[in-house]
Amino acid sequence: MEDKEYKIDKKEVMELGYDSILHALRKREREILNMKRAIEYERNRPPVKNWYMLKNIQFNEEFNKNRKCCDVTFNFIIIVKGLWKTIFGETRN
């Protein structure tokens, strides 16, 4: 009689299996979407602050980001003013 009380329902076990599989697939989908989101953010983000002061290979990457994202003449003026201030310690009008 006690065996009937602990009888396992095959339908419930099957549903539990499907739920765990779907949960794992949803988790993997979130991971993939987050990786794609990070790649897209890196591709479209603005350059880091003071990128023109970098002295390694990252300078080229940030330079290209700056060139793509903004108006070239405006950025050139900002860079020249920033470099002038860095070199000579004052801004030029």
Protein backbone atom coordinates (compact mmCIF):
# COMPACT_ATOMS: atom_id res chain seq x y z
CA MET A 1 0.00 0.00 0.00
CA GLU A 2 2.81 2.39 0.76
CA ASP A 3 4.25 1.86 -2.72
CA LYS A 4 1.18 3.44 -4.29
CA GLU A 5 1.70 6.63 -2.28
CA TYR A 6 5.25 7.08 -3.61
CA LYS A 7 4.43 6.16 -7.18
CA ILE A 8 6.24 8.47 -9.63
CA ASP A 9 4.12 10.01 -12.31
CA LYS A 10 5.90 9.67 -15.68
CA LYS A 11 4.22 12.77 -17.04
CA GLU A 12 5.59 14.93 -14.19
CA VAL A 13 9.09 13.54 -14.69
CA MET A 14 8.89 14.28 -18.39
CA GLU A 15 7.70 17.85 -17.76
CA LEU A 16 10.50 18.37 -15.25
CA GLY A 17 13.05 17.13 -17.82
CA TYR A 18 11.70 19.43 -20.52
CA ASP A 19 11.66 22.37 -18.12
CA SER A 20 15.30 21.82 -17.16
CA ILE A 21 16.33 21.54 -20.82
CA LEU A 22 14.45 24.74 -21.71
CA HIS A 23 15.99 26.51 -18.73
CA ALA A 24 19.49 25.52 -19.87
CA LEU A 25 18.74 26.67 -23.43
CA ARG A 26 17.39 30.02 -22.21
CA LYS A 27 20.47 30.50 -20.05
CA ARG A 28 22.76 29.76 -23.02
CA GLU A 29 20.73 32.15 -25.19
CA ARG A 30 21.18 34.93 -22.62
CA GLU A 31 24.94 34.28 -22.55
CA ILE A 32 25.16 34.48 -26.35
CA LEU A 33 23.10 37.67 -26.45
CA ASN A 34 25.27 39.26 -23.76
CA MET A 35 28.42 38.38 -25.72
CA LYS A 36 26.93 39.89 -28.89
CA ARG A 37 25.82 42.96 -26.92
CA ALA A 38 29.35 43.44 -25.56
CA ILE A 39 30.85 43.14 -29.05
CA GLU A 40 28.35 45.64 -30.45
CA TYR A 41 28.96 48.06 -27.58
CA GLU A 42 32.72 47.86 -28.09
CA ARG A 43 32.26 48.54 -31.79
CA ASN A 44 30.01 51.59 -31.26
CA ARG A 45 31.30 53.11 -28.05
CA PRO A 46 33.00 56.50 -28.09
CA PRO A 47 36.76 56.69 -27.59
CA VAL A 48 38.12 56.63 -24.06
CA LYS A 49 38.92 59.87 -22.29
CA ASN A 50 42.36 61.29 -23.18
CA TRP A 51 42.81 58.68 -25.92
CA TYR A 52 45.24 60.99 -27.70
CA MET A 53 47.68 60.59 -24.79
CA LEU A 54 47.98 56.80 -25.22
CA LYS A 55 51.38 55.50 -26.25
CA ASN A 56 50.54 51.90 -27.18
CA ILE A 57 48.64 50.07 -29.91
CA GLN A 58 45.34 51.07 -28.31
CA PHE A 59 45.98 54.60 -29.61
CA ASN A 60 45.24 53.45 -33.18
CA GLU A 61 42.00 51.79 -32.15
CA GLU A 62 40.81 54.83 -30.24
CA PHE A 63 41.93 57.15 -33.03
CA ASN A 64 39.80 55.20 -35.51
CA LYS A 65 36.82 55.25 -33.13
CA ASN A 66 37.20 58.99 -32.76
CA ARG A 67 37.46 59.48 -36.51
CA LYS A 68 34.33 57.41 -37.16
CA CYS A 69 32.06 58.75 -34.46
CA CYS A 70 32.48 62.49 -34.72
CA ASP A 71 32.97 65.38 -37.09
CA VAL A 72 36.58 65.34 -38.30
CA THR A 73 37.20 69.11 -38.23
CA PHE A 74 35.73 69.51 -34.75
CA ASN A 75 37.84 66.65 -33.41
CA PHE A 76 40.95 68.02 -35.05
CA ILE A 77 40.46 71.34 -33.24
CA ILE A 78 39.97 69.56 -29.92
CA ILE A 79 43.05 67.41 -30.48
CA VAL A 80 45.22 70.37 -31.47
CA LYS A 81 44.06 72.39 -28.46
CA GLY A 82 44.62 69.41 -26.16
CA LEU A 83 48.08 68.72 -27.57
CA TRP A 84 48.98 72.41 -27.45
CA LYS A 85 47.97 72.54 -23.79
CA THR A 86 49.88 69.32 -23.08
CA ILE A 87 53.04 70.51 -24.82
CA PHE A 88 53.11 74.18 -23.86
CA GLY A 89 50.90 74.24 -20.76
CA GLU A 90 48.44 76.81 -22.11
CA THR A 91 45.66 77.05 -24.65
CA ARG A 92 46.03 78.95 -27.86
CA ASN A 93 43.18 81.13 -29.14
